[in-house]
C-alpha cells in the first residue's frame, strides 16, 4: 500500500513537471512564431513590393493548417502524442534553419518560391502541434485542475503574442529579417529540447485495427463529433466563433476605425492593444475563478456568448473612440471564458484515445471558417457597410447563446434520467 502511494505520488510529480515543460516549450514556440510571421511578411513585401503578394502568406498558412488537420489522424494512430509534438517542433526548427541557409545560397529568382514552400511546410507542422498539445493537457493535468490549466495556456499564449508582436517589429527593423529568423530557429530548438522531457502517461494506441482504411481513420474524429450531441453542438459554436473572430482581423477593424471612429492607423493599433490586454485580463480572471467555472461551464458559455453579443452591439454604435476602446477591453474576458469553457467541455466529453483526432477536426473547422469569414465579412462591408458586419456578428453570438441554452436543457434531462434509473435500480 505504501509502495503504491509512493508510486502514485511520483507519477503525479512527473505529470506536473511534464505539464510545466509543455507550457514552457509552447510559450517559447509561440514567441518564435510571432517573430517569424513579422519577418516573413516584411521579407516578401520588401522583395516584391506587392501588398497582394505579401497577403499570400496568411492565406497559405490557413490552407496548410486546414489540410494538416485532415491528415493528422493518420500520424496520431501510429505515434505517441509526445513524439508527434516533438517531431512537429523539430521539423519547424529545420525549416527555419533552412530559410536562413537558402537566403545566402539560393539565386534571388528562386528565393520567394522556396520561402513560400517552407512557409507551407511550417504551417502543416504547426497544424499538427495545436491539436496534439490540447489533447496532451488532460493527460498531464488532473480533471479538477483542467479549467485552470487551459486558462494558464490561453493567457500565456496571449501574453507571448503581445510581446512578440510588439518586440518583433522592432527587431525586424533594427536587425533585419535574417537575424530575426535565426533567433526564431534558436527559440524553436530550445522549445524542441524541452519537449524531450515531457512524458505522456498514456499509450497513444489507436482503438482501430491496422487493416482500417486511411479514409476511415481520417474521418474518425468527424464521426465522433457528429455522433455525440454535445460535441456536435460545440462544433456549431466553433463555426460561430470562427465567423465572429474575423471582425478583429486587421483589414476589418481598420475599416471600422476609419469609417465609424474617423481615426487613423494609430487607433487601429490602440484597439488591437486593448483587445490583447482584455484577453490577458480575462485569462487571469478565469484562472482565479477556475473552481466555480468548472462546475458551471455551460452557464459560463451562455453568459459569455450573450455578453459578447450585447457588447458587440455597443461597439458597433460607438462613435466615441475612447468608448470603443473601453468596450474592446471588457469584451475580451467573455471571449476567453467562452473559449476556455468550450475547450474544457470538449476534453471532458471525448474518449482519451479519440481526443487528438477530435481536436484536429475542430482545428480544421476553425481554420476554414475563419479564412472564409475574412473574405465574407470584407465583401459584406463593401456591400452594406462595416456596421452591418458587426451587427451580424452580434446576432451570431446571440444564436450561440441559444445553442448553449439548448445544450443545458439536454444535459439537465440526461442527469434527471440517470437519477431516475438509479432510483429504479434501488427499488428493484
Protein backbone atom coordinates (compact mmCIF):
# COMPACT_ATOMS: atom_id res chain seq x y z
CA UNK A 1 0.00 0.00 0.00
CA UNK A 2 2.84 2.36 0.92
CA UNK A 3 4.67 1.47 -2.31
CA UNK A 4 1.52 2.15 -4.32
CA UNK A 5 1.05 5.58 -2.68
CA UNK A 6 4.69 6.44 -3.37
CA UNK A 7 4.28 5.36 -6.99
CA UNK A 8 1.12 7.44 -7.43
CA UNK A 9 2.82 10.45 -5.80
CA UNK A 10 5.87 10.08 -8.05
CA UNK A 11 3.64 9.75 -11.12
CA UNK A 12 1.80 12.93 -10.13
CA UNK A 13 5.09 14.83 -9.76
CA UNK A 14 6.19 13.64 -13.22
CA UNK A 15 2.90 14.77 -14.73
CA UNK A 16 3.19 18.21 -13.11
CA UNK A 17 6.74 18.55 -14.40
CA UNK A 18 5.69 17.43 -17.87
CA UNK A 19 2.87 19.98 -17.99
CA UNK A 20 5.25 22.71 -16.84
CA UNK A 21 7.74 21.79 -19.58
CA UNK A 22 4.94 21.62 -22.16
CA UNK A 23 3.81 25.10 -21.14
CA UNK A 24 7.37 26.49 -21.34
CA UNK A 25 8.01 24.80 -24.68
CA UNK A 26 4.82 26.12 -26.28
CA UNK A 27 5.34 29.63 -24.92
CA UNK A 28 8.82 29.74 -26.49
CA UNK A 29 7.45 28.31 -29.76
CA UNK A 30 4.61 30.86 -29.90
CA UNK A 31 7.02 33.74 -29.29
CA UNK A 32 9.24 32.48 -32.10
CA UNK A 33 6.18 32.05 -34.34
CA UNK A 34 5.14 35.70 -33.88
CA UNK A 35 8.69 36.82 -34.78
CA UNK A 36 8.66 34.60 -37.86
CA UNK A 37 5.32 35.96 -39.12
CA UNK A 38 6.53 39.55 -38.95
CA UNK A 39 9.87 38.65 -40.54
CA UNK A 40 8.36 36.71 -43.47
CA UNK A 41 5.67 39.26 -44.29
CA UNK A 42 8.33 42.01 -44.25
CA UNK A 43 10.69 39.87 -46.36
CA UNK A 44 8.06 39.11 -49.03
CA UNK A 45 6.88 42.72 -49.22
CA UNK A 46 10.45 44.08 -49.47
CA UNK A 47 11.33 41.60 -52.21
CA UNK A 48 8.17 42.01 -54.32
CA UNK A 49 6.90 45.47 -53.37
CA UNK A 50 3.39 44.00 -53.56
CA UNK A 51 0.93 44.05 -50.65
CA UNK A 52 -1.22 41.50 -52.51
CA UNK A 53 1.75 39.12 -52.79
CA UNK A 54 2.51 39.58 -49.09
CA UNK A 55 -1.16 38.74 -48.47
CA UNK A 56 -0.47 35.24 -49.83
CA UNK A 57 1.29 34.45 -46.55
CA UNK A 58 -1.80 34.28 -44.27
CA UNK A 59 -3.84 32.53 -46.98
CA UNK A 60 -1.13 29.90 -47.48
CA UNK A 61 -0.79 29.49 -43.73
CA UNK A 62 -4.52 28.92 -43.13
CA UNK A 63 -4.82 26.49 -46.07
CA UNK A 64 -1.85 24.44 -44.86
CA UNK A 65 -3.18 24.26 -41.29
CA UNK A 66 -6.62 23.18 -42.54
CA UNK A 67 -5.08 20.39 -44.66
CA UNK A 68 -2.88 19.40 -41.74
CA UNK A 69 -5.93 18.86 -39.55
CA UNK A 70 -7.34 16.46 -42.14
CA UNK A 71 -4.23 14.25 -42.46
CA UNK A 72 -3.03 14.44 -38.83
CA UNK A 73 -5.18 11.42 -37.70
CA UNK A 74 -3.03 9.11 -39.85
CA UNK A 75 0.02 10.06 -37.76
CA UNK A 76 -1.89 10.05 -34.47
CA UNK A 77 -2.68 6.36 -34.95
CA UNK A 78 0.99 5.43 -35.24
CA UNK A 79 2.83 7.77 -32.85
CA UNK A 80 2.56 8.78 -29.22
CA UNK A 81 1.38 12.35 -28.79
CA UNK A 82 4.62 13.47 -27.16
CA UNK A 83 6.65 12.02 -30.03
CA UNK A 84 4.40 13.62 -32.65
CA UNK A 85 4.62 17.02 -30.97
CA UNK A 86 8.42 16.72 -30.75
CA UNK A 87 8.62 15.80 -34.45
CA UNK A 88 6.42 18.78 -35.41
CA UNK A 89 8.59 21.20 -33.43
CA UNK A 90 11.84 19.69 -34.73
CA UNK A 91 10.54 19.88 -38.30
CA UNK A 92 9.76 23.58 -37.83
CA UNK A 93 13.25 24.14 -36.41
CA UNK A 94 14.79 22.55 -39.50
CA UNK A 95 12.59 24.66 -41.81
CA UNK A 96 13.57 27.91 -40.06
CA UNK A 97 17.23 26.96 -40.28
CA UNK A 98 16.78 26.12 -43.97
CA UNK A 99 15.31 29.57 -44.63
CA UNK A 100 18.42 31.20 -43.22
CA UNK A 101 20.76 28.98 -45.28
CA UNK A 102 18.80 29.38 -48.54
CA UNK A 103 18.92 33.16 -48.22
CA UNK A 104 22.69 33.08 -48.74
CA UNK A 105 22.99 30.30 -51.32
CA UNK A 106 19.84 30.32 -53.47
CA UNK A 107 19.53 32.56 -56.58
CA UNK A 108 17.20 35.51 -55.95
CA UNK A 109 14.61 34.39 -58.54
CA UNK A 110 14.09 31.11 -56.64
CA UNK A 111 14.12 32.60 -53.15
CA UNK A 112 10.46 33.64 -52.89
CA UNK A 113 9.07 30.28 -54.14
CA UNK A 114 11.40 28.43 -51.77
CA UNK A 115 10.33 30.58 -48.82
CA UNK A 116 6.63 30.07 -49.63
CA UNK A 117 7.19 26.30 -49.84
CA UNK A 118 8.84 26.34 -46.39
CA UNK A 119 6.00 28.52 -45.05
CA UNK A 120 3.55 25.84 -46.22
CA UNK A 121 5.64 23.10 -44.55
CA UNK A 122 5.94 25.05 -41.27
CA UNK A 123 2.19 25.69 -41.25
CA UNK A 124 1.46 21.99 -41.82
CA UNK A 125 3.69 21.06 -38.89
CA UNK A 126 2.15 23.80 -36.73
CA UNK A 127 -1.28 22.42 -37.62
CA UNK A 128 -0.24 19.06 -36.12
CA UNK A 129 1.17 20.65 -32.99
CA UNK A 130 -2.00 22.54 -31.95
CA UNK A 131 -4.41 19.57 -31.56
CA UNK A 132 -1.66 17.40 -30.06
CA UNK A 133 -0.93 19.99 -27.38
CA UNK A 134 -4.61 20.38 -26.50
CA UNK A 135 -5.05 16.60 -26.34
CA UNK A 136 -1.96 16.19 -24.11
CA UNK A 137 -3.20 18.63 -21.46
CA UNK A 138 -5.92 16.38 -19.93
CA UNK A 139 -3.38 13.54 -19.77
CA UNK A 140 -0.95 15.66 -17.75
CA UNK A 141 -3.41 17.56 -15.57
CA UNK A 142 -5.97 16.14 -13.07
CA UNK A 143 -9.61 16.81 -14.03
CA UNK A 144 -10.24 19.29 -11.16
CA UNK A 145 -7.38 21.48 -12.47
CA UNK A 146 -8.24 21.30 -16.16
CA UNK A 147 -10.00 24.68 -16.36
CA UNK A 148 -7.07 26.33 -14.58
CA UNK A 149 -4.56 24.64 -16.91
CA UNK A 150 -6.46 25.68 -20.05
CA UNK A 151 -6.73 29.22 -18.68
CA UNK A 152 -2.99 29.33 -17.98
CA UNK A 153 -2.15 28.17 -21.52
CA UNK A 154 -4.61 30.58 -23.15
CA UNK A 155 -3.40 33.55 -21.08
CA UNK A 156 0.28 32.83 -21.63
CA UNK A 157 -0.39 32.45 -25.37
CA UNK A 158 -1.85 35.95 -25.46
CA UNK A 159 0.94 37.47 -23.35
CA UNK A 160 3.52 35.88 -25.63
CA UNK A 161 1.73 37.16 -28.74
CA UNK A 162 1.52 40.67 -27.29
CA UNK A 163 5.25 40.64 -26.51
CA UNK A 164 6.06 39.04 -29.85
CA UNK A 165 4.11 41.49 -31.99
CA UNK A 166 5.46 44.46 -30.01
CA UNK A 167 9.08 43.34 -29.88
CA UNK A 168 9.19 41.55 -33.25
CA UNK A 169 8.59 44.68 -35.30
CA UNK A 170 11.44 46.46 -33.50
CA UNK A 171 13.79 43.51 -34.02
CA UNK A 172 12.99 43.26 -37.73
CA UNK A 173 13.57 46.99 -38.18
CA UNK A 174 16.81 47.03 -36.18
CA UNK A 175 18.45 43.69 -37.02
CA UNK A 176 16.84 42.64 -40.29
CA UNK A 177 14.79 39.66 -41.43
CA UNK A 178 17.55 37.01 -41.48
CA UNK A 179 18.78 37.77 -37.96
CA UNK A 180 15.20 37.51 -36.65
CA UNK A 181 14.74 34.17 -38.46
CA UNK A 182 17.98 32.96 -36.84
CA UNK A 183 16.56 33.95 -33.44
CA UNK A 184 13.35 32.09 -34.28
CA UNK A 185 15.25 28.95 -35.27
CA UNK A 186 17.19 29.09 -31.97
CA UNK A 187 13.99 29.52 -29.94
CA UNK A 188 12.34 26.59 -31.75
CA UNK A 189 15.40 24.46 -30.96
CA UNK A 190 15.03 25.16 -27.23
CA UNK A 191 11.28 24.53 -27.47
CA UNK A 192 12.03 21.14 -29.04
CA UNK A 193 14.64 20.40 -26.38
CA UNK A 194 12.10 20.99 -23.58
CA UNK A 195 9.68 18.54 -25.22
CA UNK A 196 12.21 15.71 -24.86
CA UNK A 197 11.41 15.67 -21.13
CA UNK A 198 7.59 15.72 -21.49
CA UNK A 199 6.34 12.24 -20.55
CA UNK A 200 2.99 11.16 -21.98
CA UNK A 201 1.47 8.86 -19.30
CA UNK A 202 -0.92 7.22 -21.78
CA UNK A 203 -0.02 4.98 -24.67
CA UNK A 204 -1.27 6.67 -27.81
CA UNK A 205 -2.52 3.49 -29.47
CA UNK A 206 -5.39 3.54 -31.93
CA UNK A 207 -8.53 1.68 -30.93
CA UNK A 208 -9.00 0.69 -34.57
CA UNK A 209 -7.49 -2.34 -36.32
CA UNK A 210 -4.40 -1.96 -38.50
CA UNK A 211 -6.43 -3.03 -41.55
CA UNK A 212 -8.71 0.00 -41.30
CA UNK A 213 -8.61 2.14 -44.41
CA UNK A 214 -6.85 5.51 -44.35
CA UNK A 215 -10.01 7.40 -45.20
CA UNK A 216 -11.84 5.77 -42.29
CA UNK A 217 -9.05 6.79 -39.91
CA UNK A 218 -9.05 10.35 -41.27
CA UNK A 219 -12.78 10.81 -40.71
CA UNK A 220 -12.86 9.13 -37.27
CA UNK A 221 -12.72 12.45 -35.41
CA UNK A 222 -15.50 13.87 -37.58
CA UNK A 223 -17.71 10.82 -36.98
CA UNK A 224 -17.12 11.16 -33.23
CA UNK A 225 -18.19 14.80 -33.30
CA UNK A 226 -21.32 14.10 -35.33
CA UNK A 227 -22.33 11.13 -33.18
CA UNK A 228 -22.07 13.00 -29.87
CA UNK A 229 -24.79 15.67 -29.32
CA UNK A 230 -22.57 17.79 -27.06
CA UNK A 231 -19.58 17.68 -29.43
CA UNK A 232 -21.87 18.39 -32.38
CA UNK A 233 -23.27 21.48 -30.66
CA UNK A 234 -19.75 22.58 -29.72
CA UNK A 235 -18.74 22.28 -33.39
CA UNK A 236 -21.59 24.62 -34.36
CA UNK A 237 -20.26 27.04 -31.76
CA UNK A 238 -16.75 26.65 -33.19
CA UNK A 239 -18.10 27.75 -36.58
CA UNK A 240 -19.77 30.75 -34.94
CA UNK A 241 -16.51 31.52 -33.12
CA UNK A 242 -14.57 31.40 -36.40
CA UNK A 243 -17.06 33.70 -38.09
CA UNK A 244 -17.16 36.07 -35.11
CA UNK A 245 -13.40 36.29 -34.58
CA UNK A 246 -12.91 37.65 -38.12
CA UNK A 247 -14.28 41.06 -37.04
CA UNK A 248 -10.96 41.51 -35.23
CA UNK A 249 -8.91 40.70 -38.32
CA UNK A 250 -6.64 43.57 -39.34
CA UNK A 251 -8.49 44.56 -42.52
CA UNK A 252 -11.95 44.56 -40.88
CA UNK A 253 -11.04 46.53 -37.76
CA UNK A 254 -9.08 49.05 -39.83
CA UNK A 255 -12.20 49.82 -41.89
CA UNK A 256 -14.21 50.24 -38.67
CA UNK A 257 -11.64 52.64 -37.20
CA UNK A 258 -11.62 54.79 -40.34
CA UNK A 259 -15.32 54.77 -41.28
CA UNK A 260 -17.02 54.70 -37.86
CA UNK A 261 -14.50 56.23 -35.45
CA UNK A 262 -12.98 58.54 -38.13
CA UNK A 263 -9.47 57.88 -36.84
CA UNK A 264 -6.19 56.82 -38.42
CA UNK A 265 -3.97 53.77 -38.23
CA UNK A 266 -2.73 54.70 -34.74
CA UNK A 267 -6.18 53.97 -33.32
CA UNK A 268 -6.16 50.67 -35.17
CA UNK A 269 -3.13 49.80 -33.04
CA UNK A 270 -4.86 51.06 -29.88
CA UNK A 271 -7.90 48.84 -30.48
CA UNK A 272 -5.68 45.82 -31.09
CA UNK A 273 -3.68 46.54 -27.93
CA UNK A 274 -6.92 46.91 -25.96
CA UNK A 275 -8.03 43.52 -27.28
CA UNK A 276 -4.80 41.87 -26.20
CA UNK A 277 -4.96 43.48 -22.77
CA UNK A 278 -8.59 42.38 -22.31
CA UNK A 279 -7.72 38.83 -23.32
CA UNK A 280 -4.91 38.66 -20.77
CA UNK A 281 -7.10 40.11 -18.01
CA UNK A 282 -9.85 37.66 -18.93
CA UNK A 283 -7.48 34.71 -18.72
CA UNK A 284 -6.22 35.79 -15.30
CA UNK A 285 -9.80 36.30 -14.10
CA UNK A 286 -10.81 32.81 -15.26
CA UNK A 287 -7.70 31.27 -13.71
CA UNK A 288 -8.70 32.83 -10.39
CA UNK A 289 -12.32 31.57 -10.64
CA UNK A 290 -11.50 28.20 -12.21
CA UNK A 291 -13.20 26.19 -9.45
CA UNK A 292 -16.51 27.99 -9.90
CA UNK A 293 -16.33 27.85 -13.70
CA UNK A 294 -15.56 24.13 -13.63
CA UNK A 295 -18.97 23.42 -12.06
CA UNK A 296 -20.82 25.88 -14.33
CA UNK A 297 -19.16 25.57 -17.72
CA UNK A 298 -22.37 25.59 -19.76
CA UNK A 299 -23.70 28.53 -17.78
CA UNK A 300 -20.37 30.31 -18.34
CA UNK A 301 -20.70 29.78 -22.10
CA UNK A 302 -24.31 31.02 -22.04
CA UNK A 303 -23.50 34.25 -20.20
CA UNK A 304 -20.30 34.81 -22.21
CA UNK A 305 -21.99 34.37 -25.60
CA UNK A 306 -24.84 36.69 -24.66
CA UNK A 307 -22.41 39.27 -23.23
CA UNK A 308 -20.32 39.21 -26.44
CA UNK A 309 -23.47 39.82 -28.49
CA UNK A 310 -24.55 42.80 -26.37
CA UNK A 311 -21.05 44.30 -26.20
CA UNK A 312 -20.61 43.89 -29.96
CA UNK A 313 -23.78 45.96 -30.50
CA UNK A 314 -22.40 48.61 -28.12
CA UNK A 315 -19.10 48.60 -30.02
CA UNK A 316 -20.91 48.84 -33.37
CA UNK A 317 -22.75 52.03 -32.47
CA UNK A 318 -19.94 53.69 -30.54
CA UNK A 319 -18.98 56.95 -32.17
CA UNK A 320 -16.60 57.96 -29.36
CA UNK A 321 -13.16 56.34 -29.87
CA UNK A 322 -12.46 56.14 -26.14
CA UNK A 323 -15.77 54.39 -25.51
CA UNK A 324 -14.96 51.90 -28.30
CA UNK A 325 -11.55 51.31 -26.72
CA UNK A 326 -13.18 50.54 -23.36
CA UNK A 327 -15.73 48.17 -24.92
CA UNK A 328 -12.94 46.36 -26.81
CA UNK A 329 -11.18 45.87 -23.46
CA UNK A 330 -14.14 44.47 -21.50
CA UNK A 331 -15.34 42.35 -24.42
CA UNK A 332 -12.34 40.02 -24.40
CA UNK A 333 -12.87 38.36 -20.96
CA UNK A 334 -16.19 36.84 -22.15
CA UNK A 335 -14.40 35.64 -25.30
CA UNK A 336 -11.76 33.96 -23.13
CA UNK A 337 -14.31 32.46 -20.72
CA UNK A 338 -16.31 31.02 -23.62
CA UNK A 339 -13.24 29.62 -25.37
CA UNK A 340 -11.76 28.00 -22.26
CA UNK A 341 -15.09 26.51 -21.15
CA UNK A 342 -15.67 25.18 -24.67
CA UNK A 343 -12.20 23.57 -24.84
CA UNK A 344 -12.61 22.01 -21.38
CA UNK A 345 -16.03 20.59 -22.25
CA UNK A 346 -14.56 19.05 -25.37
CA UNK A 347 -11.80 17.44 -23.29
CA UNK A 348 -14.32 16.11 -20.76
CA UNK A 349 -16.75 14.61 -23.29
CA UNK A 350 -14.31 12.93 -25.68
CA UNK A 351 -12.72 9.48 -25.11
CA UNK A 352 -8.99 9.88 -24.50
CA UNK A 353 -7.92 7.80 -27.49
CA UNK A 354 -10.06 9.90 -29.86
CA UNK A 355 -9.28 13.31 -28.37
CA UNK A 356 -6.33 14.16 -30.70
CA UNK A 357 -8.44 13.38 -33.78
CA UNK A 358 -11.38 15.39 -32.48
CA UNK A 359 -9.11 18.37 -31.78
CA UNK A 360 -7.65 18.04 -35.28
CA UNK A 361 -11.16 18.13 -36.75
CA UNK A 362 -12.07 21.17 -34.64
CA UNK A 363 -8.88 22.89 -35.79
CA UNK A 364 -9.82 22.31 -39.42
CA UNK A 365 -13.31 23.72 -38.77
CA UNK A 366 -11.84 26.84 -37.17
CA UNK A 367 -9.18 27.49 -39.84
CA UNK A 368 -11.58 27.00 -42.76
CA UNK A 369 -14.33 29.06 -41.12
CA UNK A 370 -12.01 31.90 -40.19
CA UNK A 371 -10.43 32.06 -43.66
CA UNK A 372 -13.86 32.04 -45.33
CA UNK A 373 -15.20 34.58 -42.84
CA UNK A 374 -12.46 37.15 -43.51
CA UNK A 375 -13.40 37.10 -47.21
CA UNK A 376 -17.15 37.08 -46.47
CA UNK A 377 -17.01 39.91 -43.93
CA UNK A 378 -14.88 42.01 -46.28
CA UNK A 379 -17.45 41.53 -49.05
CA UNK A 380 -20.33 42.35 -46.67
CA UNK A 381 -18.55 45.51 -45.54
CA UNK A 382 -18.24 46.64 -49.17
CA UNK A 383 -21.89 45.85 -49.89
CA UNK A 384 -23.73 47.00 -46.77
CA UNK A 385 -21.20 48.86 -44.62
CA UNK A 386 -18.96 47.92 -41.74
CA UNK A 387 -21.66 48.33 -39.09
CA UNK A 388 -23.74 45.64 -40.77
CA UNK A 389 -20.79 43.26 -40.37
CA UNK A 390 -20.58 43.87 -36.62
CA UNK A 391 -24.34 43.63 -36.14
CA UNK A 392 -24.33 40.30 -37.99
CA UNK A 393 -21.61 39.06 -35.65
CA UNK A 394 -23.64 40.16 -32.62
CA UNK A 395 -26.55 38.10 -33.98
CA UNK A 396 -24.26 35.07 -34.35
CA UNK A 397 -23.25 35.21 -30.70
CA UNK A 398 -26.88 35.56 -29.56
CA UNK A 399 -27.56 32.43 -31.64
CA UNK A 400 -24.62 30.76 -29.86
CA UNK A 401 -26.23 31.62 -26.52
CA UNK A 402 -29.44 29.87 -27.62
CA UNK A 403 -27.43 26.80 -28.67
CA UNK A 404 -25.83 26.74 -25.22
CA UNK A 405 -29.27 27.01 -23.60
CA UNK A 406 -30.45 24.01 -25.64
CA UNK A 407 -27.36 22.07 -24.56
CA UNK A 408 -28.04 22.94 -20.91
CA UNK A 409 -31.59 21.56 -21.23
CA UNK A 410 -30.31 18.33 -22.81
CA UNK A 411 -27.70 17.95 -20.06
CA UNK A 412 -30.35 18.58 -17.41
CA UNK A 413 -32.65 15.93 -18.91
CA UNK A 414 -29.75 13.47 -19.10
CA UNK A 415 -28.91 14.00 -15.42
CA UNK A 416 -32.59 13.60 -14.46
CA UNK A 417 -32.81 10.35 -16.45
CA UNK A 418 -29.70 9.00 -14.71
CA UNK A 419 -31.21 9.84 -11.30
CA UNK A 420 -34.46 8.05 -12.19
CA UNK A 421 -32.55 4.98 -13.39
CA UNK A 422 -30.54 4.85 -10.16
CA UNK A 423 -33.78 5.21 -8.14
CA UNK A 424 -35.45 2.36 -10.05
CA UNK A 425 -32.40 0.14 -9.58
CA UNK A 426 -32.57 0.72 -5.80
CA UNK A 427 -36.26 -0.27 -5.72
CA UNK A 428 -35.56 -3.45 -7.66
